C-alpha atoms as a PDB file:
ATOM      1  CA  UNK A   1     -55.204 -62.628 -16.434  1.00  0.00           C
ATOM      2  CA  UNK A   2     -53.705 -61.164 -19.588  1.00  0.00           C
ATOM      3  CA  UNK A   3     -51.368 -58.401 -18.425  1.00  0.00           C
ATOM      4  CA  UNK A   4     -48.042 -56.957 -19.553  1.00  0.00           C
ATOM      5  CA  UNK A   5     -45.479 -57.110 -16.746  1.00  0.00           C
ATOM      6  CA  UNK A   6     -43.678 -53.959 -17.940  1.00  0.00           C
ATOM      7  CA  UNK A   7     -46.400 -51.377 -18.707  1.00  0.00           C
ATOM      8  CA  UNK A   8     -49.230 -53.282 -16.929  1.00  0.00           C
ATOM      9  CA  UNK A   9     -51.501 -53.064 -19.974  1.00  0.00           C
ATOM     10  CA  UNK A  10     -54.476 -55.370 -19.409  1.00  0.00           C
ATOM     11  CA  UNK A  11     -57.891 -56.264 -20.764  1.00  0.00           C
ATOM     12  CA  UNK A  12     -60.286 -53.479 -21.805  1.00  0.00           C
ATOM     13  CA  UNK A  13     -64.066 -53.708 -21.992  1.00  0.00           C
ATOM     14  CA  UNK A  14     -66.455 -51.982 -24.339  1.00  0.00           C
ATOM     15  CA  UNK A  15     -69.365 -52.399 -26.718  1.00  0.00           C
ATOM     16  CA  UNK A  16     -69.429 -54.016 -30.128  1.00  0.00           C
ATOM     17  CA  UNK A  17     -71.831 -51.978 -32.251  1.00  0.00           C
ATOM     18  CA  UNK A  18     -73.673 -53.568 -35.152  1.00  0.00           C
ATOM     19  CA  UNK A  19     -72.859 -51.597 -38.313  1.00  0.00           C
ATOM     20  CA  UNK A  20     -74.792 -53.788 -40.763  1.00  0.00           C
ATOM     21  CA  UNK A  21     -78.150 -52.487 -39.544  1.00  0.00           C
ATOM     22  CA  UNK A  22     -79.530 -49.028 -39.040  1.00  0.00           C
ATOM     23  CA  UNK A  23     -80.346 -49.874 -35.422  1.00  0.00           C
ATOM     24  CA  UNK A  24     -77.405 -48.348 -33.611  1.00  0.00           C
ATOM     25  CA  UNK A  25     -78.864 -49.417 -30.279  1.00  0.00           C
ATOM     26  CA  UNK A  26     -77.908 -53.053 -30.967  1.00  0.00           C
ATOM     27  CA  UNK A  27     -74.831 -53.563 -28.863  1.00  0.00           C
ATOM     28  CA  UNK A  28     -73.056 -56.472 -27.277  1.00  0.00           C
ATOM     29  CA  UNK A  29     -70.171 -56.371 -24.859  1.00  0.00           C
ATOM     30  CA  UNK A  30     -66.687 -57.478 -25.884  1.00  0.00           C
ATOM     31  CA  UNK A  31     -63.120 -57.369 -24.613  1.00  0.00           C
ATOM     32  CA  UNK A  32     -59.861 -56.215 -26.153  1.00  0.00           C
ATOM     33  CA  UNK A  33     -56.796 -58.157 -25.049  1.00  0.00           C
ATOM     34  CA  UNK A  34     -53.191 -56.922 -25.310  1.00  0.00           C
ATOM     35  CA  UNK A  35     -50.837 -58.550 -27.822  1.00  0.00           C
ATOM     36  CA  UNK A  36     -48.722 -60.483 -25.305  1.00  0.00           C
ATOM     37  CA  UNK A  37     -45.548 -62.438 -25.995  1.00  0.00           C
ATOM     38  CA  UNK A  38     -43.840 -64.796 -23.545  1.00  0.00           C
ATOM     39  CA  UNK A  39     -40.115 -64.082 -23.700  1.00  0.00           C
ATOM     40  CA  UNK A  40     -36.960 -64.693 -21.720  1.00  0.00           C
ATOM     41  CA  UNK A  41     -35.734 -61.287 -20.589  1.00  0.00           C
ATOM     42  CA  UNK A  42     -32.692 -59.930 -18.779  1.00  0.00           C
ATOM     43  CA  UNK A  43     -33.982 -58.343 -15.547  1.00  0.00           C
ATOM     44  CA  UNK A  44     -31.423 -57.131 -12.986  1.00  0.00           C
ATOM     45  CA  UNK A  45     -28.826 -59.528 -14.388  1.00  0.00           C
ATOM     46  CA  UNK A  46     -31.132 -62.557 -14.164  1.00  0.00           C
ATOM     47  CA  UNK A  47     -32.909 -64.381 -16.962  1.00  0.00           C
ATOM     48  CA  UNK A  48     -36.649 -64.570 -16.299  1.00  0.00           C
ATOM     49  CA  UNK A  49     -39.620 -65.668 -18.396  1.00  0.00           C
ATOM     50  CA  UNK A  50     -42.178 -62.858 -18.501  1.00  0.00           C
ATOM     51  CA  UNK A  51     -45.248 -61.840 -20.494  1.00  0.00           C
ATOM     52  CA  UNK A  52     -44.643 -58.605 -22.417  1.00  0.00           C
ATOM     53  CA  UNK A  53     -46.836 -56.744 -24.901  1.00  0.00           C
ATOM     54  CA  UNK A  54     -45.552 -56.271 -28.444  1.00  0.00           C
ATOM     55  CA  UNK A  55     -45.377 -52.479 -28.007  1.00  0.00           C
ATOM     56  CA  UNK A  56     -42.863 -52.805 -25.140  1.00  0.00           C
ATOM     57  CA  UNK A  57     -40.770 -55.217 -27.226  1.00  0.00           C
ATOM     58  CA  UNK A  58     -40.666 -52.861 -30.224  1.00  0.00           C
ATOM     59  CA  UNK A  59     -39.888 -49.768 -28.175  1.00  0.00           C
ATOM     60  CA  UNK A  60     -36.922 -51.452 -26.462  1.00  0.00           C
ATOM     61  CA  UNK A  61     -38.242 -51.311 -22.900  1.00  0.00           C
ATOM     62  CA  UNK A  62     -37.234 -54.966 -22.492  1.00  0.00           C
ATOM     63  CA  UNK A  63     -33.897 -56.604 -23.265  1.00  0.00           C
ATOM     64  CA  UNK A  64     -34.164 -60.184 -24.540  1.00  0.00           C
ATOM     65  CA  UNK A  65     -31.858 -62.725 -22.955  1.00  0.00           C
END
């Protein structure tokens, strides 16, 4: 499953609403996935390959190896 190993951000579910028509009741389900990157990170002095979201990378929560 798509999940950040630092902040545990994962998939979200919701409705896609049709804007092109006046019928607002036309909805279909969709998912939003986090922007994950597979990186080699320094964790407790060891180099590990982990999946991290782009927000954690930018904020400096993870140190690249």
